[in-house]
C-alpha atoms as a PDB file:
ATOM      1  CA  UNK A   1      68.933 158.029  75.900  1.00  0.00           C
ATOM      2  CA  UNK A   2      67.290 154.562  75.311  1.00  0.00           C
ATOM      3  CA  UNK A   3      69.567 151.471  75.239  1.00  0.00           C
ATOM      4  CA  UNK A   4      70.152 149.808  71.894  1.00  0.00           C
ATOM      5  CA  UNK A   5      68.521 146.411  71.332  1.00  0.00           C
ATOM      6  CA  UNK A   6      71.922 144.707  71.210  1.00  0.00           C
ATOM      7  CA  UNK A   7      72.749 146.088  74.691  1.00  0.00           C
ATOM      8  CA  UNK A   8      69.438 144.887  76.052  1.00  0.00           C
ATOM      9  CA  UNK A   9      69.944 141.420  74.628  1.00  0.00           C
ATOM     10  CA  UNK A  10      73.321 140.834  76.265  1.00  0.00           C
ATOM     11  CA  UNK A  11      71.913 140.259  79.812  1.00  0.00           C
ATOM     12  CA  UNK A  12      69.295 137.808  78.306  1.00  0.00           C
ATOM     13  CA  UNK A  13      72.043 135.928  76.454  1.00  0.00           C
ATOM     14  CA  UNK A  14      74.092 135.710  79.637  1.00  0.00           C
ATOM     15  CA  UNK A  15      71.156 134.414  81.619  1.00  0.00           C
ATOM     16  CA  UNK A  16      70.316 131.896  78.905  1.00  0.00           C
ATOM     17  CA  UNK A  17      73.899 130.674  78.825  1.00  0.00           C
ATOM     18  CA  UNK A  18      73.990 130.267  82.659  1.00  0.00           C
ATOM     19  CA  UNK A  19      70.748 128.340  82.484  1.00  0.00           C
ATOM     20  CA  UNK A  20      72.080 125.973  79.830  1.00  0.00           C
ATOM     21  CA  UNK A  21      75.210 125.418  81.836  1.00  0.00           C
ATOM     22  CA  UNK A  22      73.277 124.560  84.925  1.00  0.00           C
ATOM     23  CA  UNK A  23      71.113 122.102  82.986  1.00  0.00           C
ATOM     24  CA  UNK A  24      74.178 120.390  81.516  1.00  0.00           C
ATOM     25  CA  UNK A  25      75.843 120.242  84.920  1.00  0.00           C
ATOM     26  CA  UNK A  26      72.762 118.744  86.584  1.00  0.00           C
ATOM     27  CA  UNK A  27      72.392 116.243  83.753  1.00  0.00           C
ATOM     28  CA  UNK A  28      75.940 115.046  84.268  1.00  0.00           C
ATOM     29  CA  UNK A  29      75.381 114.739  88.005  1.00  0.00           C
ATOM     30  CA  UNK A  30      72.140 112.816  87.505  1.00  0.00           C
ATOM     31  CA  UNK A  31      73.437 110.565  84.803  1.00  0.00           C
ATOM     32  CA  UNK A  32      72.445 106.970  85.117  1.00  0.00           C
ATOM     33  CA  UNK A  33      75.246 104.709  86.338  1.00  0.00           C
ATOM     34  CA  UNK A  34      76.698 101.796  84.449  1.00  0.00           C
ATOM     35  CA  UNK A  35      77.861  98.719  86.294  1.00  0.00           C
ATOM     36  CA  UNK A  36      80.110  95.833  85.324  1.00  0.00           C
ATOM     37  CA  UNK A  37      77.794  92.955  84.428  1.00  0.00           C
ATOM     38  CA  UNK A  38      78.004  89.125  84.517  1.00  0.00           C
ATOM     39  CA  UNK A  39      76.097  86.092  85.573  1.00  0.00           C
ATOM     40  CA  UNK A  40      77.178  82.539  86.511  1.00  0.00           C
ATOM     41  CA  UNK A  41      80.108  81.025  84.530  1.00  0.00           C
ATOM     42  CA  UNK A  42      80.618  84.234  82.556  1.00  0.00           C
ATOM     43  CA  UNK A  43      81.879  85.841  85.744  1.00  0.00           C
ATOM     44  CA  UNK A  44      84.735  83.304  85.582  1.00  0.00           C
ATOM     45  CA  UNK A  45      85.761  84.270  82.074  1.00  0.00           C
ATOM     46  CA  UNK A  46      88.561  86.782  82.002  1.00  0.00           C
ATOM     47  CA  UNK A  47      87.720  87.545  78.343  1.00  0.00           C
ATOM     48  CA  UNK A  48      84.049  88.324  79.114  1.00  0.00           C
ATOM     49  CA  UNK A  49      83.385  92.103  79.384  1.00  0.00           C
ATOM     50  CA  UNK A  50      79.869  93.509  79.670  1.00  0.00           C
ATOM     51  CA  UNK A  51      78.159  96.527  81.152  1.00  0.00           C
ATOM     52  CA  UNK A  52      74.685  97.204  82.418  1.00  0.00           C
ATOM     53  CA  UNK A  53      72.907 100.543  82.309  1.00  0.00           C
ATOM     54  CA  UNK A  54      70.979 101.150  85.490  1.00  0.00           C
ATOM     55  CA  UNK A  55      67.355 102.375  85.086  1.00  0.00           C
ATOM     56  CA  UNK A  56      67.002 104.157  88.390  1.00  0.00           C
ATOM     57  CA  UNK A  57      68.911 107.285  89.443  1.00  0.00           C
ATOM     58  CA  UNK A  58      69.032 105.864  92.979  1.00  0.00           C
ATOM     59  CA  UNK A  59      70.387 102.430  91.952  1.00  0.00           C
ATOM     60  CA  UNK A  60      73.854 101.085  92.798  1.00  0.00           C
ATOM     61  CA  UNK A  61      76.369  98.552  91.543  1.00  0.00           C
ATOM     62  CA  UNK A  62      76.781  95.247  93.231  1.00  0.00           C
ATOM     63  CA  UNK A  63      78.886  92.057  93.123  1.00  0.00           C
ATOM     64  CA  UNK A  64      77.695  88.823  94.753  1.00  0.00           C
ATOM     65  CA  UNK A  65      80.021  86.108  95.963  1.00  0.00           C
ATOM     66  CA  UNK A  66      79.700  82.519  97.109  1.00  0.00           C
ATOM     67  CA  UNK A  67      82.608  80.898  98.849  1.00  0.00           C
ATOM     68  CA  UNK A  68      84.798  83.813  97.654  1.00  0.00           C
ATOM     69  CA  UNK A  69      83.911  83.184  93.978  1.00  0.00           C
ATOM     70  CA  UNK A  70      82.031  85.873  92.138  1.00  0.00           C
ATOM     71  CA  UNK A  71      78.550  84.702  91.016  1.00  0.00           C
ATOM     72  CA  UNK A  72      76.814  87.837  89.696  1.00  0.00           C
ATOM     73  CA  UNK A  73      77.472  91.517  89.026  1.00  0.00           C
ATOM     74  CA  UNK A  74      75.355  94.377  87.819  1.00  0.00           C
ATOM     75  CA  UNK A  75      72.835  96.963  88.933  1.00  0.00           C
ATOM     76  CA  UNK A  76      71.554  96.185  92.407  1.00  0.00           C
ATOM     77  CA  UNK A  77      67.885  96.470  91.389  1.00  0.00           C
ATOM     78  CA  UNK A  78      68.480  94.188  88.392  1.00  0.00           C
ATOM     79  CA  UNK A  79      69.830  91.260  90.499  1.00  0.00           C
ATOM     80  CA  UNK A  80      67.707  88.182  90.751  1.00  0.00           C
ATOM     81  CA  UNK A  81      65.851  87.867  94.100  1.00  0.00           C
ATOM     82  CA  UNK A  82      68.168  85.256  95.572  1.00  0.00           C
ATOM     83  CA  UNK A  83      71.279  87.236  94.870  1.00  0.00           C
ATOM     84  CA  UNK A  84      69.698  90.557  95.842  1.00  0.00           C
ATOM     85  CA  UNK A  85      68.799  88.997  99.263  1.00  0.00           C
ATOM     86  CA  UNK A  86      72.516  88.488  99.927  1.00  0.00           C
ATOM     87  CA  UNK A  87      73.031  92.226  99.617  1.00  0.00           C
ATOM     88  CA  UNK A  88      70.867  92.831 102.610  1.00  0.00           C
ATOM     89  CA  UNK A  89      72.024  92.620 106.232  1.00  0.00           C
ATOM     90  CA  UNK A  90      73.724  90.595 107.713  1.00  0.00           C
ATOM     91  CA  UNK A  91      75.289  89.327 104.378  1.00  0.00           C
ATOM     92  CA  UNK A  92      76.099  92.821 103.091  1.00  0.00           C
ATOM     93  CA  UNK A  93      79.823  93.231 103.040  1.00  0.00           C
ATOM     94  CA  UNK A  94      80.361  89.457 103.329  1.00  0.00           C
ATOM     95  CA  UNK A  95      78.750  87.882 100.344  1.00  0.00           C
ATOM     96  CA  UNK A  96      77.795  91.135  98.541  1.00  0.00           C
ATOM     97  CA  UNK A  97      79.620  94.358  97.845  1.00  0.00           C
ATOM     98  CA  UNK A  98      77.691  97.545  96.939  1.00  0.00           C
ATOM     99  CA  UNK A  99      79.129 100.815  95.525  1.00  0.00           C
ATOM    100  CA  UNK A 100      77.611 103.986  94.086  1.00  0.00           C
ATOM    101  CA  UNK A 101      79.918 105.228  91.366  1.00  0.00           C
ATOM    102  CA  UNK A 102      80.174 104.413  87.729  1.00  0.00           C
ATOM    103  CA  UNK A 103      81.453 100.850  87.016  1.00  0.00           C
ATOM    104  CA  UNK A 104      82.800 100.597  90.578  1.00  0.00           C
ATOM    105  CA  UNK A 105      81.986  96.963  91.222  1.00  0.00           C
ATOM    106  CA  UNK A 106      85.397  95.606  90.369  1.00  0.00           C
ATOM    107  CA  UNK A 107      86.761  94.727  93.836  1.00  0.00           C
ATOM    108  CA  UNK A 108      86.168  91.581  95.928  1.00  0.00           C
ATOM    109  CA  UNK A 109      84.377  91.249  99.294  1.00  0.00           C
ATOM    110  CA  UNK A 110      85.664  93.142 102.309  1.00  0.00           C
ATOM    111  CA  UNK A 111      86.475  90.012 104.238  1.00  0.00           C
ATOM    112  CA  UNK A 112      88.786  88.820 101.418  1.00  0.00           C
ATOM    113  CA  UNK A 113      91.144  91.748 101.828  1.00  0.00           C
ATOM    114  CA  UNK A 114      94.924  91.241 101.964  1.00  0.00           C
ATOM    115  CA  UNK A 115      97.987  93.252 102.924  1.00  0.00           C
ATOM    116  CA  UNK A 116      99.404  94.810  99.744  1.00  0.00           C
ATOM    117  CA  UNK A 117     102.928  96.217 100.265  1.00  0.00           C
ATOM    118  CA  UNK A 118     106.527  95.926  99.167  1.00  0.00           C
ATOM    119  CA  UNK A 119     109.641  96.020 101.322  1.00  0.00           C
ATOM    120  CA  UNK A 120     111.285  98.340  98.725  1.00  0.00           C
ATOM    121  CA  UNK A 121     108.600 101.030  99.488  1.00  0.00           C
ATOM    122  CA  UNK A 122     107.815 100.392 103.151  1.00  0.00           C
ATOM    123  CA  UNK A 123     109.953  98.673 105.810  1.00  0.00           C
ATOM    124  CA  UNK A 124     106.845  97.855 107.891  1.00  0.00           C
ATOM    125  CA  UNK A 125     106.014  95.386 105.169  1.00  0.00           C
ATOM    126  CA  UNK A 126     108.713  93.217 106.822  1.00  0.00           C
ATOM    127  CA  UNK A 127     109.049  94.359 110.387  1.00  0.00           C
ATOM    128  CA  UNK A 128     105.508  95.447 111.410  1.00  0.00           C
ATOM    129  CA  UNK A 129     102.951  94.172 108.880  1.00  0.00           C
ATOM    130  CA  UNK A 130     100.203  94.252 111.555  1.00  0.00           C
ATOM    131  CA  UNK A 131     100.374  98.120 111.480  1.00  0.00           C
ATOM    132  CA  UNK A 132      99.443  98.205 107.794  1.00  0.00           C
ATOM    133  CA  UNK A 133      95.926  98.608 106.588  1.00  0.00           C
ATOM    134  CA  UNK A 134      94.686  95.683 104.430  1.00  0.00           C
ATOM    135  CA  UNK A 135      93.127  96.549 101.104  1.00  0.00           C
ATOM    136  CA  UNK A 136      90.426  94.693  99.141  1.00  0.00           C
ATOM    137  CA  UNK A 137      91.566  92.660  96.176  1.00  0.00           C
ATOM    138  CA  UNK A 138      90.383  92.959  92.624  1.00  0.00           C
ATOM    139  CA  UNK A 139      87.790  90.282  91.676  1.00  0.00           C
ATOM    140  CA  UNK A 140      89.466  86.976  90.604  1.00  0.00           C
ATOM    141  CA  UNK A 141      88.168  85.734  87.303  1.00  0.00           C
ATOM    142  CA  UNK A 142      89.594  82.225  87.486  1.00  0.00           C
ATOM    143  CA  UNK A 143      88.718  80.583  90.778  1.00  0.00           C
ATOM    144  CA  UNK A 144      89.043  82.845  93.776  1.00  0.00           C
ATOM    145  CA  UNK A 145      91.592  85.162  95.367  1.00  0.00           C
ATOM    146  CA  UNK A 146      94.173  84.281  98.030  1.00  0.00           C
ATOM    147  CA  UNK A 147      96.679  86.347  99.973  1.00  0.00           C
ATOM    148  CA  UNK A 148     100.456  85.816  99.376  1.00  0.00           C
ATOM    149  CA  UNK A 149     103.837  86.670 100.847  1.00  0.00           C
ATOM    150  CA  UNK A 150     106.813  86.102  98.572  1.00  0.00           C
ATOM    151  CA  UNK A 151     110.453  86.978  98.046  1.00  0.00           C
ATOM    152  CA  UNK A 152     111.270  88.908  94.878  1.00  0.00           C
ATOM    153  CA  UNK A 153     115.019  88.816  94.717  1.00  0.00           C
ATOM    154  CA  UNK A 154     115.828  89.422  98.341  1.00  0.00           C
ATOM    155  CA  UNK A 155     112.843  91.728  98.983  1.00  0.00           C
ATOM    156  CA  UNK A 156     109.526  90.758 100.545  1.00  0.00           C
ATOM    157  CA  UNK A 157     106.196  91.533  98.863  1.00  0.00           C
ATOM    158  CA  UNK A 158     102.653  90.881 100.077  1.00  0.00           C
ATOM    159  CA  UNK A 159      99.453  91.073  98.003  1.00  0.00           C
ATOM    160  CA  UNK A 160      96.589  89.376  96.346  1.00  0.00           C
ATOM    161  CA  UNK A 161      96.908  86.231  94.105  1.00  0.00           C
ATOM    162  CA  UNK A 162      94.023  86.376  91.604  1.00  0.00           C
ATOM    163  CA  UNK A 163      94.657  83.673  89.045  1.00  0.00           C
ATOM    164  CA  UNK A 164      95.025  79.904  89.335  1.00  0.00           C
ATOM    165  CA  UNK A 165      98.285  79.934  87.333  1.00  0.00           C
ATOM    166  CA  UNK A 166      99.811  82.434  89.733  1.00  0.00           C
ATOM    167  CA  UNK A 167      98.649  80.438  92.715  1.00  0.00           C
ATOM    168  CA  UNK A 168     100.043  77.212  91.426  1.00  0.00           C
ATOM    169  CA  UNK A 169     103.384  78.930  90.602  1.00  0.00           C
ATOM    170  CA  UNK A 170     103.460  80.236  94.186  1.00  0.00           C
ATOM    171  CA  UNK A 171     102.935  76.779  95.638  1.00  0.00           C
ATOM    172  CA  UNK A 172     105.672  75.418  93.460  1.00  0.00           C
ATOM    173  CA  UNK A 173     108.123  78.128  94.648  1.00  0.00           C
ATOM    174  CA  UNK A 174     110.215  77.806  97.815  1.00  0.00           C
ATOM    175  CA  UNK A 175     109.981  81.599  98.361  1.00  0.00           C
ATOM    176  CA  UNK A 176     106.178  82.064  98.222  1.00  0.00           C
ATOM    177  CA  UNK A 177     103.442  81.431 100.765  1.00  0.00           C
ATOM    178  CA  UNK A 178      99.645  81.445 100.175  1.00  0.00           C
ATOM    179  CA  UNK A 179      96.903  81.750 102.749  1.00  0.00           C
ATOM    180  CA  UNK A 180      93.104  81.946 102.751  1.00  0.00           C
ATOM    181  CA  UNK A 181      91.623  85.356 103.962  1.00  0.00           C
ATOM    182  CA  UNK A 182      88.230  83.617 104.410  1.00  0.00           C
ATOM    183  CA  UNK A 183      89.742  81.479 107.147  1.00  0.00           C
ATOM    184  CA  UNK A 184      91.575  84.437 108.813  1.00  0.00           C
ATOM    185  CA  UNK A 185      91.117  88.070 107.642  1.00  0.00           C
ATOM    186  CA  UNK A 186      94.201  89.651 105.926  1.00  0.00           C
ATOM    187  CA  UNK A 187      96.081  86.411 106.745  1.00  0.00           C
ATOM    188  CA  UNK A 188      99.355  87.466 105.184  1.00  0.00           C
ATOM    189  CA  UNK A 189     100.156  89.911 108.000  1.00  0.00           C
ATOM    190  CA  UNK A 190     102.481  87.643 109.941  1.00  0.00           C
ATOM    191  CA  UNK A 191     106.107  88.450 110.459  1.00  0.00           C
ATOM    192  CA  UNK A 192     108.127  85.917 108.555  1.00  0.00           C
ATOM    193  CA  UNK A 193     111.264  84.098 109.792  1.00  0.00           C
ATOM    194  CA  UNK A 194     113.422  83.638 106.755  1.00  0.00           C
ATOM    195  CA  UNK A 195     115.610  81.150 108.578  1.00  0.00           C
ATOM    196  CA  UNK A 196     112.886  78.823 109.692  1.00  0.00           C
ATOM    197  CA  UNK A 197     113.334  76.309 106.915  1.00  0.00           C
ATOM    198  CA  UNK A 198     112.283  72.723 107.643  1.00  0.00           C
ATOM    199  CA  UNK A 199     114.994  70.527 109.269  1.00  0.00           C
ATOM    200  CA  UNK A 200     115.212  67.654 106.822  1.00  0.00           C
ATOM    201  CA  UNK A 201     117.840  65.835 108.963  1.00  0.00           C
ATOM    202  CA  UNK A 202     115.491  65.680 111.974  1.00  0.00           C
ATOM    203  CA  UNK A 203     112.634  64.528 109.855  1.00  0.00           C
ATOM    204  CA  UNK A 204     114.674  61.725 108.354  1.00  0.00           C
ATOM    205  CA  UNK A 205     115.817  60.635 111.828  1.00  0.00           C
ATOM    206  CA  UNK A 206     112.213  60.664 113.054  1.00  0.00           C
ATOM    207  CA  UNK A 207     111.113  58.509 110.134  1.00  0.00           C
ATOM    208  CA  UNK A 208     113.791  55.926 110.799  1.00  0.00           C
ATOM    209  CA  UNK A 209     113.238  55.734 114.490  1.00  0.00           C
ATOM    210  CA  UNK A 210     109.474  56.063 114.738  1.00  0.00           C
ATOM    211  CA  UNK A 211     108.786  52.607 113.273  1.00  0.00           C
ATOM    212  CA  UNK A 212     108.409  50.115 116.115  1.00  0.00           C
ATOM    213  CA  UNK A 213     110.846  47.214 115.831  1.00  0.00           C
ATOM    214  CA  UNK A 214     109.579  43.665 115.827  1.00  0.00           C
ATOM    215  CA  UNK A 215     109.926  41.999 119.264  1.00  0.00           C
ATOM    216  CA  UNK A 216     112.577  39.304 119.222  1.00  0.00           C
ATOM    217  CA  UNK A 217     112.796  36.324 121.499  1.00  0.00           C
ATOM    218  CA  UNK A 218     116.052  34.537 122.254  1.00  0.00           C
ATOM    219  CA  UNK A 219     115.725  30.958 123.474  1.00  0.00           C
ATOM    220  CA  UNK A 220     118.391  28.670 124.813  1.00  0.00           C
ATOM    221  CA  UNK A 221     117.798  25.035 125.546  1.00  0.00           C
ATOM    222  CA  UNK A 222     119.842  22.855 127.899  1.00  0.00           C
ATOM    223  CA  UNK A 223     119.369  19.257 128.707  1.00  0.00           C
ATOM    224  CA  UNK A 224     119.752  17.831 132.221  1.00  0.00           C
ATOM    225  CA  UNK A 225     120.222  14.095 132.568  1.00  0.00           C
ATOM    226  CA  UNK A 226     118.932  12.096 135.496  1.00  0.00           C
ATOM    227  CA  UNK A 227     118.906   8.387 136.002  1.00  0.00           C
ATOM    228  CA  UNK A 228     115.244   8.143 135.203  1.00  0.00           C
ATOM    229  CA  UNK A 229     114.165  11.325 133.157  1.00  0.00           C
ATOM    230  CA  UNK A 230     115.451  13.806 130.557  1.00  0.00           C
ATOM    231  CA  UNK A 231     113.727  17.198 131.032  1.00  0.00           C
ATOM    232  CA  UNK A 232     114.461  20.181 128.782  1.00  0.00           C
ATOM    233  CA  UNK A 233     114.796  23.572 130.413  1.00  0.00           C
ATOM    234  CA  UNK A 234     114.061  26.730 128.339  1.00  0.00           C
ATOM    235  CA  UNK A 235     115.271  30.238 129.308  1.00  0.00           C
ATOM    236  CA  UNK A 236     113.675  33.176 127.383  1.00  0.00           C
ATOM    237  CA  UNK A 237     115.021  36.726 127.222  1.00  0.00           C
ATOM    238  CA  UNK A 238     112.306  39.427 127.544  1.00  0.00           C
ATOM    239  CA  UNK A 239     111.261  41.147 124.256  1.00  0.00           C
ATOM    240  CA  UNK A 240     112.811  44.463 123.524  1.00  0.00           C
ATOM    241  CA  UNK A 241     110.945  47.300 121.760  1.00  0.00           C
ATOM    242  CA  UNK A 242     112.386  50.503 120.515  1.00  0.00           C
ATOM    243  CA  UNK A 243     110.612  53.547 121.904  1.00  0.00           C
ATOM    244  CA  UNK A 244     109.156  55.694 119.071  1.00  0.00           C
ATOM    245  CA  UNK A 245     110.424  59.238 118.871  1.00  0.00           C
ATOM    246  CA  UNK A 246     108.775  62.200 117.201  1.00  0.00           C
ATOM    247  CA  UNK A 247     110.544  65.206 115.754  1.00  0.00           C
ATOM    248  CA  UNK A 248     109.696  68.519 117.369  1.00  0.00           C
ATOM    249  CA  UNK A 249     107.459  70.519 115.047  1.00  0.00           C
ATOM    250  CA  UNK A 250     108.829  73.638 113.485  1.00  0.00           C
ATOM    251  CA  UNK A 251     106.723  76.399 114.935  1.00  0.00           C
ATOM    252  CA  UNK A 252     108.184  79.293 112.967  1.00  0.00           C
ATOM    253  CA  UNK A 253     106.129  80.800 110.127  1.00  0.00           C
ATOM    254  CA  UNK A 254     108.300  80.280 107.097  1.00  0.00           C
ATOM    255  CA  UNK A 255     108.068  80.924 103.317  1.00  0.00           C
ATOM    256  CA  UNK A 256     109.445  77.403 102.905  1.00  0.00           C
ATOM    257  CA  UNK A 257     106.408  75.721 104.542  1.00  0.00           C
ATOM    258  CA  UNK A 258     103.539  74.346 102.426  1.00  0.00           C
ATOM    259  CA  UNK A 259      99.832  73.946 103.211  1.00  0.00           C
ATOM    260  CA  UNK A 260      97.932  70.912 101.966  1.00  0.00           C
ATOM    261  CA  UNK A 261      94.673  72.691 102.638  1.00  0.00           C
ATOM    262  CA  UNK A 262      95.588  75.595 100.435  1.00  0.00           C
ATOM    263  CA  UNK A 263      96.546  73.189  97.640  1.00  0.00           C
ATOM    264  CA  UNK A 264      93.091  71.589  97.702  1.00  0.00           C
ATOM    265  CA  UNK A 265      91.353  75.001  97.982  1.00  0.00           C
ATOM    266  CA  UNK A 266      93.055  75.833  94.664  1.00  0.00           C
ATOM    267  CA  UNK A 267      92.757  72.508  92.865  1.00  0.00           C
ATOM    268  CA  UNK A 268      89.041  71.993  93.536  1.00  0.00           C
ATOM    269  CA  UNK A 269      87.902  75.300  91.891  1.00  0.00           C
ATOM    270  CA  UNK A 270      90.345  74.567  89.024  1.00  0.00           C
ATOM    271  CA  UNK A 271      88.673  71.148  88.363  1.00  0.00           C
ATOM    272  CA  UNK A 272      85.205  72.673  88.542  1.00  0.00           C
ATOM    273  CA  UNK A 273      86.206  75.531  86.300  1.00  0.00           C
ATOM    274  CA  UNK A 274      87.694  73.294  83.578  1.00  0.00           C
ATOM    275  CA  UNK A 275      84.717  70.904  83.742  1.00  0.00           C
ATOM    276  CA  UNK A 276      82.271  73.754  83.377  1.00  0.00           C
ATOM    277  CA  UNK A 277      84.083  75.140  80.330  1.00  0.00           C
ATOM    278  CA  UNK A 278      83.937  71.799  78.544  1.00  0.00           C
ATOM    279  CA  UNK A 279      80.259  70.995  79.278  1.00  0.00           C
END
């Protein structure tokens, strides 16, 4: 008995449905990527949000840095020649970060990574930070990123400081320490001695005793009388000078210590950023 037309059409419909499904799946897999986009000063504006549609299926997303400050973001093939050159060896991974998923270019360079942990979640954050794996920070939009170690209550936290306001607050706090990961990778991995506060008494003593005293000379004059001549005789005491003393430096790494270099690294980008905004 011959099959009905409806029965014969079912396999065709199934095959057509499978073909459409495969086409849709392949279209999704081969969809062109979008990348976070910025150029120049717009990269330093936290309110600036833009995307770029890549034109090549084999393209990738990229972020270019100079001195730790983001300068350009977008599709790799769309970067200007000078910036794209930084994405080639040996600068790749140092001044340029490349990724291959949709809008993935939101993290900083690999060498600017920091430890990111909390004592409340991991005891190694306090006792063995060198055993933890550093993680890359998100891209800072005002200035550049630093690593921090700080006390929150009585618990230690380590992480990335991404804004100038947070960095200035950290420097003003007695329980927060900033460091530069570009000078030493994942620099906030040191074990901290909470009792190593500066000895202000020793510093004060050093200040008062390190200033050389003015040499003093004591003179006494006596007169000897002879039948023919009066001749004065002068006796001088040798000058006395106090020996300068210097306080022993505090070698312990402490949250109470401050870094002049770190302060300038924060202030200079702040001045440049404010000046650029008001041009």
